[in-house]
Amino acid sequence: DTNYTSEELQDMYRKYNITENDIKFANNELPNFLEGTILSSDSQVLVTEDGKPPEGMEHGKDYDIIITEAEMISIIEKAETDYISKYGVDPSNPKLDEVNGYLIPSEEVAKLFYSVN
């Protein structure tokens, strides 16, 4: 059973350099890091290894835009870098996990997990 006081949480946040934006990210209060990219748009984006549509797929019907896997990875990496610069939060490595309704630093969650097992 996990129970934390507000003071205990604040102490953990200070210990692990948890920022207000880390908390907002964990609460889904920040925009998605892909917002503003073609990967988060109303367009149907088709990703293929070579950037060519599979046989039988029609532009405008099955997809609006086609990109290569390398282009997709580049878009994701740039979006992550921009997000980190803007918010100070790495979307692929969040600092907090939710456990029993508490936002707990990942390092503490690991300690909890190992102490239970």
PDB file of N, CA and C in Angstrom:
ATOM      1  N   ASP A   1       0.852  -1.190   0.000  1.00  0.00           N
ATOM      2  CA  ASP A   1       0.000   0.000   0.000  1.00  0.00           C
ATOM      3  C   ASP A   1       0.885   1.236   0.000  1.00  0.00           C
ATOM      4  N   THR A   2       0.600   2.167  -0.872  1.00  0.00           N
ATOM      5  CA  THR A   2       1.421   3.354  -1.043  1.00  0.00           C
ATOM      6  C   THR A   2       0.631   4.590  -0.641  1.00  0.00           C
ATOM      7  N   ASN A   3       1.125   5.304   0.362  1.00  0.00           N
ATOM      8  CA  ASN A   3       0.518   6.556   0.783  1.00  0.00           C
ATOM      9  C   ASN A   3       1.600   7.598   0.960  1.00  0.00           C
ATOM     10  N   TYR A   4       1.372   8.776   0.418  1.00  0.00           N
ATOM     11  CA  TYR A   4       2.331   9.871   0.534  1.00  0.00           C
ATOM     12  C   TYR A   4       1.606  11.130   0.970  1.00  0.00           C
ATOM     13  N   THR A   5       2.267  11.883   1.817  1.00  0.00           N
ATOM     14  CA  THR A   5       1.741  13.203   2.155  1.00  0.00           C
ATOM     15  C   THR A   5       2.196  14.160   1.076  1.00  0.00           C
ATOM     16  N   SER A   6       1.580  15.306   1.042  1.00  0.00           N
ATOM     17  CA  SER A   6       1.963  16.347   0.095  1.00  0.00           C
ATOM     18  C   SER A   6       3.432  16.733   0.298  1.00  0.00           C
ATOM     19  N   GLU A   7       3.855  16.809   1.554  1.00  0.00           N
ATOM     20  CA  GLU A   7       5.244  17.179   1.863  1.00  0.00           C
ATOM     21  C   GLU A   7       6.223  16.116   1.362  1.00  0.00           C
ATOM     22  N   GLU A   8       5.862  14.831   1.532  1.00  0.00           N
ATOM     23  CA  GLU A   8       6.735  13.753   1.061  1.00  0.00           C
ATOM     24  C   GLU A   8       6.887  13.803  -0.463  1.00  0.00           C
ATOM     25  N   LEU A   9       5.782  14.059  -1.143  1.00  0.00           N
ATOM     26  CA  LEU A   9       5.853  14.179  -2.605  1.00  0.00           C
ATOM     27  C   LEU A   9       6.733  15.352  -3.012  1.00  0.00           C
ATOM     28  N   GLN A  10       6.551  16.490  -2.353  1.00  0.00           N
ATOM     29  CA  GLN A  10       7.362  17.667  -2.675  1.00  0.00           C
ATOM     30  C   GLN A  10       8.843  17.394  -2.434  1.00  0.00           C
ATOM     31  N   ASP A  11       9.164  16.682  -1.353  1.00  0.00           N
ATOM     32  CA  ASP A  11      10.560  16.327  -1.072  1.00  0.00           C
ATOM     33  C   ASP A  11      11.125  15.444  -2.186  1.00  0.00           C
ATOM     34  N   MET A  12      10.336  14.466  -2.628  1.00  0.00           N
ATOM     35  CA  MET A  12      10.782  13.603  -3.726  1.00  0.00           C
ATOM     36  C   MET A  12      10.974  14.406  -5.005  1.00  0.00           C
ATOM     37  N   TYR A  13      10.066  15.327  -5.277  1.00  0.00           N
ATOM     38  CA  TYR A  13      10.172  16.140  -6.487  1.00  0.00           C
ATOM     39  C   TYR A  13      11.444  16.978  -6.463  1.00  0.00           C
ATOM     40  N   ARG A  14      11.766  17.529  -5.293  1.00  0.00           N
ATOM     41  CA  ARG A  14      13.012  18.300  -5.176  1.00  0.00           C
ATOM     42  C   ARG A  14      14.224  17.391  -5.366  1.00  0.00           C
ATOM     43  N   LYS A  15      14.199  16.234  -4.715  1.00  0.00           N
ATOM     44  CA  LYS A  15      15.318  15.281  -4.775  1.00  0.00           C
ATOM     45  C   LYS A  15      15.629  14.876  -6.217  1.00  0.00           C
ATOM     46  N   TYR A  16      14.591  14.669  -7.031  1.00  0.00           N
ATOM     47  CA  TYR A  16      14.773  14.189  -8.397  1.00  0.00           C
ATOM     48  C   TYR A  16      14.604  15.289  -9.448  1.00  0.00           C
ATOM     49  N   ASN A  17      14.631  16.545  -9.010  1.00  0.00           N
ATOM     50  CA  ASN A  17      14.527  17.688  -9.930  1.00  0.00           C
ATOM     51  C   ASN A  17      13.288  17.611 -10.828  1.00  0.00           C
ATOM     52  N   ILE A  18      12.154  17.292 -10.227  1.00  0.00           N
ATOM     53  CA  ILE A  18      10.895  17.241 -10.954  1.00  0.00           C
ATOM     54  C   ILE A  18      10.355  18.664 -11.067  1.00  0.00           C
ATOM     55  N   THR A  19      10.069  19.077 -12.289  1.00  0.00           N
ATOM     56  CA  THR A  19       9.581  20.433 -12.521  1.00  0.00           C
ATOM     57  C   THR A  19       8.052  20.436 -12.633  1.00  0.00           C
ATOM     58  N   GLU A  20       7.521  21.636 -12.630  1.00  0.00           N
ATOM     59  CA  GLU A  20       6.078  21.797 -12.824  1.00  0.00           C
ATOM     60  C   GLU A  20       5.652  21.209 -14.171  1.00  0.00           C
ATOM     61  N   ASN A  21       6.499  21.376 -15.196  1.00  0.00           N
ATOM     62  CA  ASN A  21       6.168  20.821 -16.512  1.00  0.00           C
ATOM     63  C   ASN A  21       6.216  19.293 -16.514  1.00  0.00           C
ATOM     64  N   ASP A  22       7.096  18.693 -15.705  1.00  0.00           N
ATOM     65  CA  ASP A  22       7.092  17.229 -15.588  1.00  0.00           C
ATOM     66  C   ASP A  22       5.748  16.759 -15.039  1.00  0.00           C
ATOM     67  N   ILE A  23       5.247  17.480 -14.056  1.00  0.00           N
ATOM     68  CA  ILE A  23       3.951  17.140 -13.455  1.00  0.00           C
ATOM     69  C   ILE A  23       2.828  17.360 -14.464  1.00  0.00           C
ATOM     70  N   LYS A  24       2.873  18.485 -15.185  1.00  0.00           N
ATOM     71  CA  LYS A  24       1.854  18.750 -16.203  1.00  0.00           C
ATOM     72  C   LYS A  24       1.873  17.674 -17.291  1.00  0.00           C
ATOM     73  N   PHE A  25       3.074  17.255 -17.692  1.00  0.00           N
ATOM     74  CA  PHE A  25       3.196  16.217 -18.718  1.00  0.00           C
ATOM     75  C   PHE A  25       2.557  14.919 -18.220  1.00  0.00           C
ATOM     76  N   ALA A  26       2.848  14.548 -16.989  1.00  0.00           N
ATOM     77  CA  ALA A  26       2.301  13.316 -16.415  1.00  0.00           C
ATOM     78  C   ALA A  26       0.779  13.378 -16.306  1.00  0.00           C
ATOM     79  N   ASN A  27       0.248  14.576 -16.133  1.00  0.00           N
ATOM     80  CA  ASN A  27      -1.202  14.771 -16.036  1.00  0.00           C
ATOM     81  C   ASN A  27      -1.853  15.041 -17.389  1.00  0.00           C
ATOM     82  N   ASN A  28      -1.088  14.910 -18.465  1.00  0.00           N
ATOM     83  CA  ASN A  28      -1.576  15.182 -19.830  1.00  0.00           C
ATOM     84  C   ASN A  28      -2.081  16.611 -19.987  1.00  0.00           C
ATOM     85  N   GLU A  29      -1.411  17.548 -19.332  1.00  0.00           N
ATOM     86  CA  GLU A  29      -1.797  18.958 -19.421  1.00  0.00           C
ATOM     87  C   GLU A  29      -0.925  19.727 -20.414  1.00  0.00           C
ATOM     88  N   LEU A  30       0.088  19.077 -20.966  1.00  0.00           N
ATOM     89  CA  LEU A  30       0.911  19.691 -22.012  1.00  0.00           C
ATOM     90  C   LEU A  30       0.471  19.088 -23.348  1.00  0.00           C
ATOM     91  N   PRO A  31       0.711  19.815 -24.445  1.00  0.00           N
ATOM     92  CA  PRO A  31       0.321  19.260 -25.744  1.00  0.00           C
ATOM     93  C   PRO A  31       1.150  18.016 -26.071  1.00  0.00           C
ATOM     94  N   ASN A  32       0.627  17.188 -26.957  1.00  0.00           N
ATOM     95  CA  ASN A  32       1.379  16.045 -27.439  1.00  0.00           C
ATOM     96  C   ASN A  32       2.610  16.554 -28.168  1.00  0.00           C
ATOM     97  N   PHE A  33       3.731  15.875 -28.004  1.00  0.00           N
ATOM     98  CA  PHE A  33       4.976  16.358 -28.602  1.00  0.00           C
ATOM     99  C   PHE A  33       4.937  16.351 -30.124  1.00  0.00           C
ATOM    100  N   LEU A  34       4.041  15.587 -30.731  1.00  0.00           N
ATOM    101  CA  LEU A  34       3.930  15.554 -32.191  1.00  0.00           C
ATOM    102  C   LEU A  34       2.982  16.610 -32.747  1.00  0.00           C
ATOM    103  N   GLU A  35       2.319  17.355 -31.848  1.00  0.00           N
ATOM    104  CA  GLU A  35       1.392  18.400 -32.299  1.00  0.00           C
ATOM    105  C   GLU A  35       2.131  19.378 -33.208  1.00  0.00           C
ATOM    106  N   GLY A  36       1.493  19.688 -34.320  1.00  0.00           N
ATOM    107  CA  GLY A  36       2.095  20.613 -35.279  1.00  0.00           C
ATOM    108  C   GLY A  36       2.903  19.916 -36.358  1.00  0.00           C
ATOM    109  N   THR A  37       3.021  18.592 -36.276  1.00  0.00           N
ATOM    110  CA  THR A  37       3.713  17.841 -37.329  1.00  0.00           C
ATOM    111  C   THR A  37       2.677  17.134 -38.189  1.00  0.00           C
ATOM    112  N   ILE A  38       3.132  16.630 -39.334  1.00  0.00           N
ATOM    113  CA  ILE A  38       2.188  15.900 -40.190  1.00  0.00           C
ATOM    114  C   ILE A  38       1.753  14.586 -39.541  1.00  0.00           C
ATOM    115  N   LEU A  39       2.496  14.135 -38.522  1.00  0.00           N
ATOM    116  CA  LEU A  39       2.125  12.892 -37.842  1.00  0.00           C
ATOM    117  C   LEU A  39       0.979  13.099 -36.866  1.00  0.00           C
ATOM    118  N   SER A  40       0.661  14.355 -36.609  1.00  0.00           N
ATOM    119  CA  SER A  40      -0.472  14.677 -35.740  1.00  0.00           C
ATOM    120  C   SER A  40      -1.326  15.703 -36.463  1.00  0.00           C
ATOM    121  N   SER A  41      -1.947  15.251 -37.521  1.00  0.00           N
ATOM    122  CA  SER A  41      -2.761  16.154 -38.334  1.00  0.00           C
ATOM    123  C   SER A  41      -3.993  15.406 -38.815  1.00  0.00           C
ATOM    124  N   ASP A  42      -4.815  16.119 -39.550  1.00  0.00           N
ATOM    125  CA  ASP A  42      -6.008  15.508 -40.110  1.00  0.00           C
ATOM    126  C   ASP A  42      -5.692  14.703 -41.367  1.00  0.00           C
ATOM    127  N   SER A  43      -4.468  14.816 -41.847  1.00  0.00           N
ATOM    128  CA  SER A  43      -4.057  14.072 -43.036  1.00  0.00           C
ATOM    129  C   SER A  43      -3.799  12.609 -42.694  1.00  0.00           C
ATOM    130  N   GLN A  44      -4.171  11.737 -43.609  1.00  0.00           N
ATOM    131  CA  GLN A  44      -3.828  10.329 -43.462  1.00  0.00           C
ATOM    132  C   GLN A  44      -2.406  10.154 -43.968  1.00  0.00           C
ATOM    133  N   VAL A  45      -1.510   9.826 -43.050  1.00  0.00           N
ATOM    134  CA  VAL A  45      -0.103   9.679 -43.408  1.00  0.00           C
ATOM    135  C   VAL A  45       0.227   8.200 -43.518  1.00  0.00           C
ATOM    136  N   LEU A  46       0.794   7.831 -44.631  1.00  0.00           N
ATOM    137  CA  LEU A  46       1.215   6.458 -44.865  1.00  0.00           C
ATOM    138  C   LEU A  46       2.738   6.426 -44.774  1.00  0.00           C
ATOM    139  N   VAL A  47       3.248   5.527 -43.962  1.00  0.00           N
ATOM    140  CA  VAL A  47       4.691   5.383 -43.794  1.00  0.00           C
ATOM    141  C   VAL A  47       5.101   4.035 -44.363  1.00  0.00           C
ATOM    142  N   THR A  48       6.024   4.074 -45.297  1.00  0.00           N
ATOM    143  CA  THR A  48       6.569   2.837 -45.858  1.00  0.00           C
ATOM    144  C   THR A  48       8.084   2.935 -45.852  1.00  0.00           C
ATOM    145  N   GLU A  49       8.709   1.796 -45.997  1.00  0.00           N
ATOM    146  CA  GLU A  49      10.169   1.760 -45.959  1.00  0.00           C
ATOM    147  C   GLU A  49      10.791   2.635 -47.040  1.00  0.00           C
ATOM    148  N   ASP A  50      10.231   2.569 -48.244  1.00  0.00           N
ATOM    149  CA  ASP A  50      10.823   3.292 -49.371  1.00  0.00           C
ATOM    150  C   ASP A  50      10.050   4.533 -49.801  1.00  0.00           C
ATOM    151  N   GLY A  51       8.941   4.846 -49.119  1.00  0.00           N
ATOM    152  CA  GLY A  51       8.162   6.025 -49.487  1.00  0.00           C
ATOM    153  C   GLY A  51       7.250   5.811 -50.675  1.00  0.00           C
ATOM    154  N   LYS A  52       7.093   4.553 -51.074  1.00  0.00           N
ATOM    155  CA  LYS A  52       6.212   4.228 -52.188  1.00  0.00           C
ATOM    156  C   LYS A  52       5.012   3.469 -51.639  1.00  0.00           C
ATOM    157  N   PRO A  53       3.815   3.764 -52.172  1.00  0.00           N
ATOM    158  CA  PRO A  53       2.619   3.086 -51.645  1.00  0.00           C
ATOM    159  C   PRO A  53       2.585   1.610 -52.056  1.00  0.00           C
ATOM    160  N   PRO A  54       2.034   0.793 -51.181  1.00  0.00           N
ATOM    161  CA  PRO A  54       1.826  -0.610 -51.567  1.00  0.00           C
ATOM    162  C   PRO A  54       0.847  -0.690 -52.743  1.00  0.00           C
ATOM    163  N   GLU A  55       0.946  -1.758 -53.482  1.00  0.00           N
ATOM    164  CA  GLU A  55       0.062  -1.949 -54.623  1.00  0.00           C
ATOM    165  C   GLU A  55      -1.400  -1.863 -54.209  1.00  0.00           C
ATOM    166  N   GLY A  56      -2.179  -1.164 -54.999  1.00  0.00           N
ATOM    167  CA  GLY A  56      -3.613  -1.082 -54.762  1.00  0.00           C
ATOM    168  C   GLY A  56      -4.043   0.072 -53.869  1.00  0.00           C
ATOM    169  N   MET A  57      -3.109   0.760 -53.228  1.00  0.00           N
ATOM    170  CA  MET A  57      -3.476   1.901 -52.374  1.00  0.00           C
ATOM    171  C   MET A  57      -3.532   3.153 -53.231  1.00  0.00           C
ATOM    172  N   GLU A  58      -4.583   3.946 -53.003  1.00  0.00           N
ATOM    173  CA  GLU A  58      -4.801   5.130 -53.825  1.00  0.00           C
ATOM    174  C   GLU A  58      -4.598   6.412 -53.027  1.00  0.00           C
ATOM    175  N   HIS A  59      -3.850   7.350 -53.637  1.00  0.00           N
ATOM    176  CA  HIS A  59      -3.659   8.675 -53.050  1.00  0.00           C
ATOM    177  C   HIS A  59      -5.014   9.367 -52.977  1.00  0.00           C
ATOM    178  N   GLY A  60      -5.316   9.968 -51.834  1.00  0.00           N
ATOM    179  CA  GLY A  60      -6.591  10.660 -51.663  1.00  0.00           C
ATOM    180  C   GLY A  60      -7.682   9.768 -51.104  1.00  0.00           C
ATOM    181  N   LYS A  61      -7.548   8.484 -51.297  1.00  0.00           N
ATOM    182  CA  LYS A  61      -8.527   7.535 -50.759  1.00  0.00           C
ATOM    183  C   LYS A  61      -7.933   6.800 -49.552  1.00  0.00           C
ATOM    184  N   ASP A  62      -6.780   6.203 -49.755  1.00  0.00           N
ATOM    185  CA  ASP A  62      -6.139   5.417 -48.700  1.00  0.00           C
ATOM    186  C   ASP A  62      -5.123   6.226 -47.896  1.00  0.00           C
ATOM    187  N   TYR A  63      -4.624   7.296 -48.478  1.00  0.00           N
ATOM    188  CA  TYR A  63      -3.651   8.146 -47.796  1.00  0.00           C
ATOM    189  C   TYR A  63      -3.611   9.520 -48.465  1.00  0.00           C
ATOM    190  N   ASP A  64      -3.176  10.516 -47.679  1.00  0.00           N
ATOM    191  CA  ASP A  64      -3.008  11.866 -48.217  1.00  0.00           C
ATOM    192  C   ASP A  64      -1.537  12.176 -48.478  1.00  0.00           C
ATOM    193  N   ILE A  65      -0.709  11.666 -47.593  1.00  0.00           N
ATOM    194  CA  ILE A  65       0.735  11.926 -47.660  1.00  0.00           C
ATOM    195  C   ILE A  65       1.442  10.604 -47.456  1.00  0.00           C
ATOM    196  N   ILE A  66       2.527  10.414 -48.188  1.00  0.00           N
ATOM    197  CA  ILE A  66       3.334   9.216 -47.984  1.00  0.00           C
ATOM    198  C   ILE A  66       4.762   9.653 -47.662  1.00  0.00           C
ATOM    199  N   ILE A  67       5.335   9.038 -46.637  1.00  0.00           N
ATOM    200  CA  ILE A  67       6.706   9.347 -46.240  1.00  0.00           C
ATOM    201  C   ILE A  67       7.449   8.043 -45.967  1.00  0.00           C
ATOM    202  N   THR A  68       8.758   8.150 -45.932  1.00  0.00           N
ATOM    203  CA  THR A  68       9.575   6.973 -45.624  1.00  0.00           C
ATOM    204  C   THR A  68       9.688   6.810 -44.105  1.00  0.00           C
ATOM    205  N   GLU A  69      10.100   5.623 -43.698  1.00  0.00           N
ATOM    206  CA  GLU A  69      10.338   5.391 -42.270  1.00  0.00           C
ATOM    207  C   GLU A  69      11.397   6.358 -41.744  1.00  0.00           C
ATOM    208  N   ALA A  70      12.428   6.587 -42.542  1.00  0.00           N
ATOM    209  CA  ALA A  70      13.504   7.505 -42.135  1.00  0.00           C
ATOM    210  C   ALA A  70      12.958   8.918 -41.926  1.00  0.00           C
ATOM    211  N   GLU A  71      12.054   9.361 -42.797  1.00  0.00           N
ATOM    212  CA  GLU A  71      11.437  10.685 -42.637  1.00  0.00           C
ATOM    213  C   GLU A  71      10.598  10.737 -41.363  1.00  0.00           C
ATOM    214  N   MET A  72       9.858   9.666 -41.084  1.00  0.00           N
ATOM    215  CA  MET A  72       9.046   9.616 -39.879  1.00  0.00           C
ATOM    216  C   MET A  72       9.941   9.708 -38.636  1.00  0.00           C
ATOM    217  N   ILE A  73      11.017   8.945 -38.616  1.00  0.00           N
ATOM    218  CA  ILE A  73      11.934   8.970 -37.476  1.00  0.00           C
ATOM    219  C   ILE A  73      12.527  10.359 -37.309  1.00  0.00           C
ATOM    220  N   SER A  74      12.878  10.993 -38.398  1.00  0.00           N
ATOM    221  CA  SER A  74      13.431  12.349 -38.354  1.00  0.00           C
ATOM    222  C   SER A  74      12.416  13.339 -37.781  1.00  0.00           C
ATOM    223  N   ILE A  75      11.168  13.224 -38.198  1.00  0.00           N
ATOM    224  CA  ILE A  75      10.104  14.104 -37.686  1.00  0.00           C
ATOM    225  C   ILE A  75       9.942  13.896 -36.181  1.00  0.00           C
ATOM    226  N   ILE A  76       9.931  12.645 -35.753  1.00  0.00           N
ATOM    227  CA  ILE A  76       9.782  12.335 -34.325  1.00  0.00           C
ATOM    228  C   ILE A  76      10.964  12.883 -33.527  1.00  0.00           C
ATOM    229  N   GLU A  77      12.172  12.662 -34.006  1.00  0.00           N
ATOM    230  CA  GLU A  77      13.369  13.138 -33.293  1.00  0.00           C
ATOM    231  C   GLU A  77      13.390  14.660 -33.186  1.00  0.00           C
ATOM    232  N   LYS A  78      13.037  15.351 -34.276  1.00  0.00           N
ATOM    233  CA  LYS A  78      13.008  16.815 -34.239  1.00  0.00           C
ATOM    234  C   LYS A  78      11.929  17.299 -33.282  1.00  0.00           C
ATOM    235  N   ALA A  79      10.756  16.657 -33.315  1.00  0.00           N
ATOM    236  CA  ALA A  79       9.651  17.038 -32.420  1.00  0.00           C
ATOM    237  C   ALA A  79      10.060  16.840 -30.963  1.00  0.00           C
ATOM    238  N   GLU A  80      10.762  15.750 -30.665  1.00  0.00           N
ATOM    239  CA  GLU A  80      11.233  15.510 -29.299  1.00  0.00           C
ATOM    240  C   GLU A  80      12.226  16.583 -28.866  1.00  0.00           C
ATOM    241  N   THR A  81      13.167  16.901 -29.733  1.00  0.00           N
ATOM    242  CA  THR A  81      14.181  17.931 -29.429  1.00  0.00           C
ATOM    243  C   THR A  81      13.515  19.278 -29.191  1.00  0.00           C
ATOM    244  N   ASP A  82      12.582  19.651 -30.054  1.00  0.00           N
ATOM    245  CA  ASP A  82      11.870  20.922 -29.899  1.00  0.00           C
ATOM    246  C   ASP A  82      11.056  20.942 -28.602  1.00  0.00           C
ATOM    247  N   TYR A  83      10.439  19.823 -28.265  1.00  0.00           N
ATOM    248  CA  TYR A  83       9.615  19.716 -27.058  1.00  0.00           C
ATOM    249  C   TYR A  83      10.482  19.869 -25.811  1.00  0.00           C
ATOM    250  N   ILE A  84      11.632  19.206 -25.825  1.00  0.00           N
ATOM    251  CA  ILE A  84      12.553  19.312 -24.694  1.00  0.00           C
ATOM    252  C   ILE A  84      13.015  20.756 -24.541  1.00  0.00           C
ATOM    253  N   SER A  85      13.332  21.408 -25.655  1.00  0.00           N
ATOM    254  CA  SER A  85      13.758  22.815 -25.604  1.00  0.00           C
ATOM    255  C   SER A  85      12.660  23.716 -25.053  1.00  0.00           C
ATOM    256  N   LYS A  86      11.431  23.467 -25.465  1.00  0.00           N
ATOM    257  CA  LYS A  86      10.318  24.327 -25.069  1.00  0.00           C
ATOM    258  C   LYS A  86       9.829  24.057 -23.645  1.00  0.00           C
ATOM    259  N   TYR A  87       9.688  22.767 -23.291  1.00  0.00           N
ATOM    260  CA  TYR A  87       9.065  22.415 -22.011  1.00  0.00           C
ATOM    261  C   TYR A  87      10.024  21.815 -20.987  1.00  0.00           C
ATOM    262  N   GLY A  88      11.221  21.419 -21.429  1.00  0.00           N
ATOM    263  CA  GLY A  88      12.154  20.792 -20.501  1.00  0.00           C
ATOM    264  C   GLY A  88      11.752  19.380 -20.111  1.00  0.00           C
ATOM    265  N   VAL A  89      10.923  18.747 -20.935  1.00  0.00           N
ATOM    266  CA  VAL A  89      10.423  17.404 -20.662  1.00  0.00           C
ATOM    267  C   VAL A  89      10.752  16.520 -21.863  1.00  0.00           C
ATOM    268  N   ASP A  90      11.325  15.356 -21.576  1.00  0.00           N
ATOM    269  CA  ASP A  90      11.613  14.391 -22.636  1.00  0.00           C
ATOM    270  C   ASP A  90      10.410  13.454 -22.763  1.00  0.00           C
ATOM    271  N   PRO A  91       9.630  13.576 -23.836  1.00  0.00           N
ATOM    272  CA  PRO A  91       8.421  12.768 -23.951  1.00  0.00           C
ATOM    273  C   PRO A  91       8.696  11.267 -24.047  1.00  0.00           C
ATOM    274  N   SER A  92       9.902  10.886 -24.448  1.00  0.00           N
ATOM    275  CA  SER A  92      10.207   9.460 -24.542  1.00  0.00           C
ATOM    276  C   SER A  92      10.805   8.915 -23.245  1.00  0.00           C
ATOM    277  N   ASN A  93      11.016   9.795 -22.272  1.00  0.00           N
ATOM    278  CA  ASN A  93      11.578   9.368 -20.998  1.00  0.00           C
ATOM    279  C   ASN A  93      11.004  10.219 -19.864  1.00  0.00           C
ATOM    280  N   PRO A  94       9.698  10.071 -19.591  1.00  0.00           N
ATOM    281  CA  PRO A  94       9.093  10.894 -18.543  1.00  0.00           C
ATOM    282  C   PRO A  94       9.685  10.570 -17.171  1.00  0.00           C
ATOM    283  N   LYS A  95       9.712  11.576 -16.302  1.00  0.00           N
ATOM    284  CA  LYS A  95      10.305  11.422 -14.971  1.00  0.00           C
ATOM    285  C   LYS A  95       9.333  10.876 -13.938  1.00  0.00           C
ATOM    286  N   LEU A  96       8.038  10.874 -14.252  1.00  0.00           N
ATOM    287  CA  LEU A  96       7.031  10.468 -13.270  1.00  0.00           C
ATOM    288  C   LEU A  96       6.184   9.306 -13.784  1.00  0.00           C
ATOM    289  N   ASP A  97       5.798   8.455 -12.838  1.00  0.00           N
ATOM    290  CA  ASP A  97       4.856   7.373 -13.111  1.00  0.00           C
ATOM    291  C   ASP A  97       3.714   7.505 -12.118  1.00  0.00           C
ATOM    292  N   GLU A  98       2.520   7.128 -12.558  1.00  0.00           N
ATOM    293  CA  GLU A  98       1.378   7.165 -11.650  1.00  0.00           C
ATOM    294  C   GLU A  98       1.248   5.819 -10.946  1.00  0.00           C
ATOM    295  N   VAL A  99       1.216   5.867  -9.624  1.00  0.00           N
ATOM    296  CA  VAL A  99       1.043   4.671  -8.803  1.00  0.00           C
ATOM    297  C   VAL A  99      -0.017   4.980  -7.756  1.00  0.00           C
ATOM    298  N   ASN A 100      -1.102   4.247  -7.802  1.00  0.00           N
ATOM    299  CA  ASN A 100      -2.202   4.437  -6.843  1.00  0.00           C
ATOM    300  C   ASN A 100      -2.646   5.895  -6.729  1.00  0.00           C
ATOM    301  N   GLY A 101      -2.679   6.594  -7.858  1.00  0.00           N
ATOM    302  CA  GLY A 101      -3.146   7.980  -7.868  1.00  0.00           C
ATOM    303  C   GLY A 101      -2.078   9.002  -7.535  1.00  0.00           C
ATOM    304  N   TYR A 102      -0.854   8.562  -7.228  1.00  0.00           N
ATOM    305  CA  TYR A 102       0.245   9.478  -6.921  1.00  0.00           C
ATOM    306  C   TYR A 102       1.189   9.541  -8.110  1.00  0.00           C
ATOM    307  N   LEU A 103       1.715  10.736  -8.385  1.00  0.00           N
ATOM    308  CA  LEU A 103       2.754  10.889  -9.389  1.00  0.00           C
ATOM    309  C   LEU A 103       4.092  10.761  -8.668  1.00  0.00           C
ATOM    310  N   ILE A 104       4.783   9.665  -8.941  1.00  0.00           N
ATOM    311  CA  ILE A 104       6.003   9.329  -8.217  1.00  0.00           C
ATOM    312  C   ILE A 104       7.172   9.301  -9.192  1.00  0.00           C
ATOM    313  N   PRO A 105       8.328   9.863  -8.784  1.00  0.00           N
ATOM    314  CA  PRO A 105       9.508   9.791  -9.651  1.00  0.00           C
ATOM    315  C   PRO A 105       9.831   8.341 -10.022  1.00  0.00           C
ATOM    316  N   SER A 106      10.217   8.127 -11.268  1.00  0.00           N
ATOM    317  CA  SER A 106      10.474   6.785 -11.785  1.00  0.00           C
ATOM    318  C   SER A 106      11.476   6.020 -10.935  1.00  0.00           C
ATOM    319  N   GLU A 107      12.492   6.709 -10.417  1.00  0.00           N
ATOM    320  CA  GLU A 107      13.494   6.048  -9.580  1.00  0.00           C
ATOM    321  C   GLU A 107      12.856   5.477  -8.316  1.00  0.00           C
ATOM    322  N   GLU A 108      11.910   6.202  -7.751  1.00  0.00           N
ATOM    323  CA  GLU A 108      11.222   5.737  -6.547  1.00  0.00           C
ATOM    324  C   GLU A 108      10.285   4.573  -6.866  1.00  0.00           C
ATOM    325  N   VAL A 109       9.686   4.600  -8.043  1.00  0.00           N
ATOM    326  CA  VAL A 109       8.811   3.505  -8.458  1.00  0.00           C
ATOM    327  C   VAL A 109       9.636   2.223  -8.567  1.00  0.00           C
ATOM    328  N   ALA A 110      10.827   2.343  -9.126  1.00  0.00           N
ATOM    329  CA  ALA A 110      11.702   1.173  -9.229  1.00  0.00           C
ATOM    330  C   ALA A 110      12.030   0.634  -7.846  1.00  0.00           C
ATOM    331  N   LYS A 111      12.315   1.507  -6.890  1.00  0.00           N
ATOM    332  CA  LYS A 111      12.600   1.068  -5.506  1.00  0.00           C
ATOM    333  C   LYS A 111      11.382   0.372  -4.909  1.00  0.00           C
ATOM    334  N   LEU A 112      10.195   0.926  -5.138  1.00  0.00           N
ATOM    335  CA  LEU A 112       8.966   0.304  -4.640  1.00  0.00           C
ATOM    336  C   LEU A 112       8.776  -1.090  -5.224  1.00  0.00           C
ATOM    337  N   PHE A 113       8.995  -1.193  -6.518  1.00  0.00           N
ATOM    338  CA  PHE A 113       8.809  -2.449  -7.209  1.00  0.00           C
ATOM    339  C   PHE A 113       9.746  -3.511  -6.639  1.00  0.00           C
ATOM    340  N   TYR A 114      11.016  -3.139  -6.446  1.00  0.00           N
ATOM    341  CA  TYR A 114      11.985  -4.119  -5.955  1.00  0.00           C
ATOM    342  C   TYR A 114      11.776  -4.438  -4.477  1.00  0.00           C
ATOM    343  N   SER A 115      11.235  -3.506  -3.713  1.00  0.00           N
ATOM    344  CA  SER A 115      10.999  -3.786  -2.301  1.00  0.00           C
ATOM    345  C   SER A 115       9.801  -4.717  -2.098  1.00  0.00           C
ATOM    346  N   VAL A 116       8.879  -4.714  -3.070  1.00  0.00           N
ATOM    347  CA  VAL A 116       7.702  -5.582  -2.988  1.00  0.00           C
ATOM    348  C   VAL A 116       8.049  -6.991  -3.460  1.00  0.00           C
ATOM    349  N   ASN A 117       8.909  -7.084  -4.445  1.00  0.00           N
ATOM    350  CA  ASN A 117       9.262  -8.404  -5.029  1.00  0.00           C
ATOM    351  C   ASN A 117      10.426  -9.027  -4.365  1.00  0.00           C
TER     352      ASN A 117
END
